[in-house]
Amino acid sequence: MTCNSFARTRQTKGTCPYYEVVGDNIRAIRIKLGMSQYRLSKQIGMSPTYIASVENKSTRPNEFLVALCAQVLGCTYEELVKT
């Protein structure tokens, strides 16, 4: 199962409880690293549109994707969910 299909099957189950801050934190760290939404999306197996919707808080990422973003961004899960 690819990351993309796994994420779709768990879209509501396991949703990150801190989704309101996750998008802001992903954006801040991604920009600090000089990484584009496109590059991040390709490294986690999702579309750039999905990353944009997470960063704009219109999509609730599941915990798996938050952990995957943390791994790609070189930070911890806790850093992405902190308020």
N, C-alpha and C. Protein backbone atom coordinates (compact mmCIF):
# COMPACT_ATOMS: atom_id res chain seq x y z
N MET A 1 0.85 -1.17 0.00
CA MET A 1 0.00 0.00 0.00
C MET A 1 0.90 1.24 0.00
N THR A 2 0.64 2.17 -0.87
CA THR A 2 1.44 3.39 -0.92
C THR A 2 1.01 4.34 0.18
N CYS A 3 1.85 5.33 0.45
CA CYS A 3 1.51 6.33 1.46
C CYS A 3 0.22 7.03 1.08
N ASN A 4 0.05 7.31 -0.20
CA ASN A 4 -1.12 8.02 -0.68
C ASN A 4 -2.39 7.23 -0.41
N SER A 5 -2.42 5.96 -0.77
CA SER A 5 -3.63 5.17 -0.56
C SER A 5 -3.85 4.92 0.93
N PHE A 6 -2.79 4.77 1.70
CA PHE A 6 -2.92 4.59 3.13
C PHE A 6 -3.57 5.82 3.75
N ALA A 7 -3.11 7.00 3.33
CA ALA A 7 -3.66 8.24 3.87
C ALA A 7 -5.13 8.38 3.54
N ARG A 8 -5.52 8.01 2.34
CA ARG A 8 -6.92 8.13 1.95
C ARG A 8 -7.81 7.20 2.75
N THR A 9 -7.32 6.01 3.07
CA THR A 9 -8.14 5.06 3.82
C THR A 9 -8.30 5.49 5.27
N ARG A 10 -7.41 6.33 5.77
CA ARG A 10 -7.46 6.75 7.16
C ARG A 10 -7.78 8.23 7.29
N GLN A 11 -8.45 8.80 6.32
CA GLN A 11 -8.69 10.23 6.31
C GLN A 11 -9.38 10.74 7.58
N THR A 12 -10.35 10.02 8.08
CA THR A 12 -11.01 10.48 9.30
C THR A 12 -10.54 9.71 10.52
N LYS A 13 -10.31 8.43 10.39
CA LYS A 13 -9.82 7.65 11.52
C LYS A 13 -8.37 8.01 11.78
N GLY A 14 -8.06 8.34 13.01
CA GLY A 14 -6.69 8.69 13.36
C GLY A 14 -6.33 10.11 12.99
N THR A 15 -7.33 10.97 12.78
CA THR A 15 -7.06 12.36 12.44
C THR A 15 -6.29 13.02 13.57
N CYS A 16 -5.31 13.78 13.20
CA CYS A 16 -4.47 14.47 14.17
C CYS A 16 -5.33 15.46 14.97
N PRO A 17 -5.32 15.36 16.29
CA PRO A 17 -6.17 16.23 17.11
C PRO A 17 -5.72 17.69 17.10
N TYR A 18 -4.50 17.96 16.64
CA TYR A 18 -3.96 19.32 16.63
C TYR A 18 -3.88 19.88 15.22
N TYR A 19 -4.82 19.47 14.36
CA TYR A 19 -4.72 19.84 12.96
C TYR A 19 -4.72 21.36 12.74
N GLU A 20 -5.28 22.12 13.69
CA GLU A 20 -5.33 23.57 13.53
C GLU A 20 -3.93 24.19 13.49
N VAL A 21 -2.99 23.64 14.24
CA VAL A 21 -1.63 24.20 14.27
C VAL A 21 -0.66 23.46 13.36
N VAL A 22 -1.01 22.25 12.97
CA VAL A 22 -0.10 21.45 12.15
C VAL A 22 0.23 22.15 10.84
N GLY A 23 -0.77 22.68 10.18
CA GLY A 23 -0.54 23.35 8.89
C GLY A 23 0.42 24.52 9.02
N ASP A 24 0.22 25.34 10.05
CA ASP A 24 1.11 26.48 10.27
C ASP A 24 2.54 26.02 10.55
N ASN A 25 2.67 24.97 11.35
CA ASN A 25 4.00 24.48 11.71
C ASN A 25 4.69 23.82 10.52
N ILE A 26 3.94 23.07 9.72
CA ILE A 26 4.53 22.47 8.51
C ILE A 26 5.02 23.57 7.59
N ARG A 27 4.19 24.57 7.36
CA ARG A 27 4.57 25.67 6.48
C ARG A 27 5.82 26.38 7.00
N ALA A 28 5.85 26.71 8.29
CA ALA A 28 6.98 27.44 8.86
C ALA A 28 8.29 26.65 8.72
N ILE A 29 8.25 25.38 9.04
CA ILE A 29 9.47 24.56 8.95
C ILE A 29 9.87 24.35 7.50
N ARG A 30 8.89 24.10 6.64
CA ARG A 30 9.17 23.89 5.21
C ARG A 30 9.82 25.12 4.61
N ILE A 31 9.30 26.31 4.91
CA ILE A 31 9.87 27.54 4.38
C ILE A 31 11.26 27.79 4.96
N LYS A 32 11.43 27.52 6.25
CA LYS A 32 12.74 27.68 6.90
C LYS A 32 13.80 26.82 6.20
N LEU A 33 13.38 25.64 5.74
CA LEU A 33 14.30 24.73 5.04
C LEU A 33 14.45 25.08 3.56
N GLY A 34 13.66 26.03 3.07
CA GLY A 34 13.70 26.38 1.66
C GLY A 34 13.07 25.32 0.77
N MET A 35 12.12 24.59 1.33
CA MET A 35 11.49 23.49 0.61
C MET A 35 10.14 23.95 0.05
N SER A 36 9.85 23.58 -1.18
CA SER A 36 8.57 23.93 -1.79
C SER A 36 7.50 22.92 -1.38
N GLN A 37 6.25 23.32 -1.55
CA GLN A 37 5.15 22.39 -1.31
C GLN A 37 5.26 21.20 -2.25
N TYR A 38 5.69 21.47 -3.48
CA TYR A 38 5.84 20.40 -4.47
C TYR A 38 6.85 19.36 -4.00
N ARG A 39 8.01 19.83 -3.55
CA ARG A 39 9.06 18.90 -3.10
C ARG A 39 8.60 18.08 -1.90
N LEU A 40 7.98 18.74 -0.92
CA LEU A 40 7.48 18.01 0.25
C LEU A 40 6.45 16.99 -0.18
N SER A 41 5.54 17.39 -1.05
CA SER A 41 4.48 16.48 -1.47
C SER A 41 5.03 15.24 -2.16
N LYS A 42 6.03 15.42 -2.99
CA LYS A 42 6.60 14.28 -3.70
C LYS A 42 7.35 13.35 -2.74
N GLN A 43 7.97 13.92 -1.72
CA GLN A 43 8.71 13.09 -0.77
C GLN A 43 7.79 12.29 0.15
N ILE A 44 6.56 12.76 0.37
CA ILE A 44 5.64 11.99 1.20
C ILE A 44 4.60 11.24 0.38
N GLY A 45 4.65 11.40 -0.94
CA GLY A 45 3.74 10.65 -1.81
C GLY A 45 2.34 11.22 -1.91
N MET A 46 2.20 12.51 -1.69
CA MET A 46 0.90 13.17 -1.80
C MET A 46 0.99 14.25 -2.87
N SER A 47 -0.14 14.86 -3.18
CA SER A 47 -0.15 15.93 -4.18
C SER A 47 0.18 17.27 -3.54
N PRO A 48 0.72 18.21 -4.33
CA PRO A 48 0.97 19.55 -3.80
C PRO A 48 -0.33 20.21 -3.30
N THR A 49 -1.43 19.89 -3.94
CA THR A 49 -2.72 20.43 -3.53
C THR A 49 -3.08 19.97 -2.13
N TYR A 50 -2.74 18.72 -1.80
CA TYR A 50 -3.00 18.20 -0.46
C TYR A 50 -2.19 18.97 0.57
N ILE A 51 -0.91 19.21 0.29
CA ILE A 51 -0.06 19.96 1.22
C ILE A 51 -0.63 21.36 1.42
N ALA A 52 -1.04 22.01 0.34
CA ALA A 52 -1.62 23.34 0.44
C ALA A 52 -2.88 23.33 1.30
N SER A 53 -3.71 22.31 1.13
CA SER A 53 -4.95 22.26 1.90
C SER A 53 -4.69 21.98 3.39
N VAL A 54 -3.64 21.23 3.69
CA VAL A 54 -3.26 21.02 5.10
C VAL A 54 -2.75 22.33 5.68
N GLU A 55 -1.89 23.01 4.94
CA GLU A 55 -1.33 24.27 5.42
C GLU A 55 -2.41 25.35 5.57
N ASN A 56 -3.45 25.29 4.76
CA ASN A 56 -4.54 26.26 4.82
C ASN A 56 -5.67 25.82 5.76
N LYS A 57 -5.48 24.70 6.42
CA LYS A 57 -6.42 24.14 7.41
C LYS A 57 -7.75 23.73 6.81
N SER A 58 -7.80 23.44 5.52
CA SER A 58 -9.04 22.96 4.93
C SER A 58 -9.09 21.43 4.88
N THR A 59 -7.96 20.78 5.20
CA THR A 59 -7.89 19.33 5.27
C THR A 59 -7.28 18.94 6.60
N ARG A 60 -7.88 17.94 7.24
CA ARG A 60 -7.34 17.43 8.50
C ARG A 60 -6.40 16.26 8.19
N PRO A 61 -5.11 16.43 8.44
CA PRO A 61 -4.19 15.33 8.17
C PRO A 61 -4.34 14.25 9.24
N ASN A 62 -4.08 13.02 8.84
CA ASN A 62 -4.10 11.97 9.86
C ASN A 62 -2.73 11.90 10.53
N GLU A 63 -2.66 11.18 11.62
CA GLU A 63 -1.43 11.13 12.41
C GLU A 63 -0.27 10.54 11.63
N PHE A 64 -0.57 9.58 10.77
CA PHE A 64 0.48 8.98 9.94
C PHE A 64 1.14 10.03 9.05
N LEU A 65 0.34 10.86 8.42
CA LEU A 65 0.91 11.88 7.53
C LEU A 65 1.66 12.95 8.29
N VAL A 66 1.20 13.29 9.48
CA VAL A 66 1.94 14.25 10.30
C VAL A 66 3.30 13.67 10.66
N ALA A 67 3.34 12.41 11.03
CA ALA A 67 4.60 11.74 11.35
C ALA A 67 5.51 11.67 10.12
N LEU A 68 4.93 11.40 8.97
CA LEU A 68 5.70 11.33 7.73
C LEU A 68 6.27 12.70 7.37
N CYS A 69 5.47 13.75 7.51
CA CYS A 69 5.96 15.10 7.26
C CYS A 69 7.10 15.43 8.22
N ALA A 70 6.96 15.06 9.47
CA ALA A 70 8.01 15.31 10.45
C ALA A 70 9.31 14.64 10.03
N GLN A 71 9.20 13.41 9.57
CA GLN A 71 10.40 12.68 9.14
C GLN A 71 11.07 13.39 7.96
N VAL A 72 10.29 13.78 6.97
CA VAL A 72 10.84 14.44 5.79
C VAL A 72 11.40 15.82 6.13
N LEU A 73 10.74 16.53 7.04
CA LEU A 73 11.19 17.87 7.42
C LEU A 73 12.31 17.86 8.45
N GLY A 74 12.65 16.68 8.95
CA GLY A 74 13.75 16.56 9.91
C GLY A 74 13.41 17.11 11.29
N CYS A 75 12.15 16.97 11.69
CA CYS A 75 11.74 17.43 13.00
C CYS A 75 10.95 16.30 13.68
N THR A 76 10.42 16.57 14.83
CA THR A 76 9.65 15.55 15.54
C THR A 76 8.15 15.80 15.33
N TYR A 77 7.37 14.77 15.57
CA TYR A 77 5.91 14.87 15.54
C TYR A 77 5.46 15.96 16.51
N GLU A 78 6.06 15.98 17.67
CA GLU A 78 5.69 16.94 18.69
C GLU A 78 5.91 18.38 18.24
N GLU A 79 6.98 18.62 17.47
CA GLU A 79 7.23 19.96 16.96
C GLU A 79 6.12 20.40 16.00
N LEU A 80 5.55 19.48 15.26
CA LEU A 80 4.49 19.83 14.32
C LEU A 80 3.14 20.04 14.99
N VAL A 81 2.93 19.43 16.14
CA VAL A 81 1.62 19.57 16.81
C VAL A 81 1.64 20.56 17.96
N LYS A 82 2.79 21.15 18.27
CA LYS A 82 2.85 22.08 19.39
C LYS A 82 2.13 23.39 19.04
N THR A 83 1.53 23.96 20.06
CA THR A 83 0.79 25.22 19.87
C THR A 83 1.65 26.40 20.21
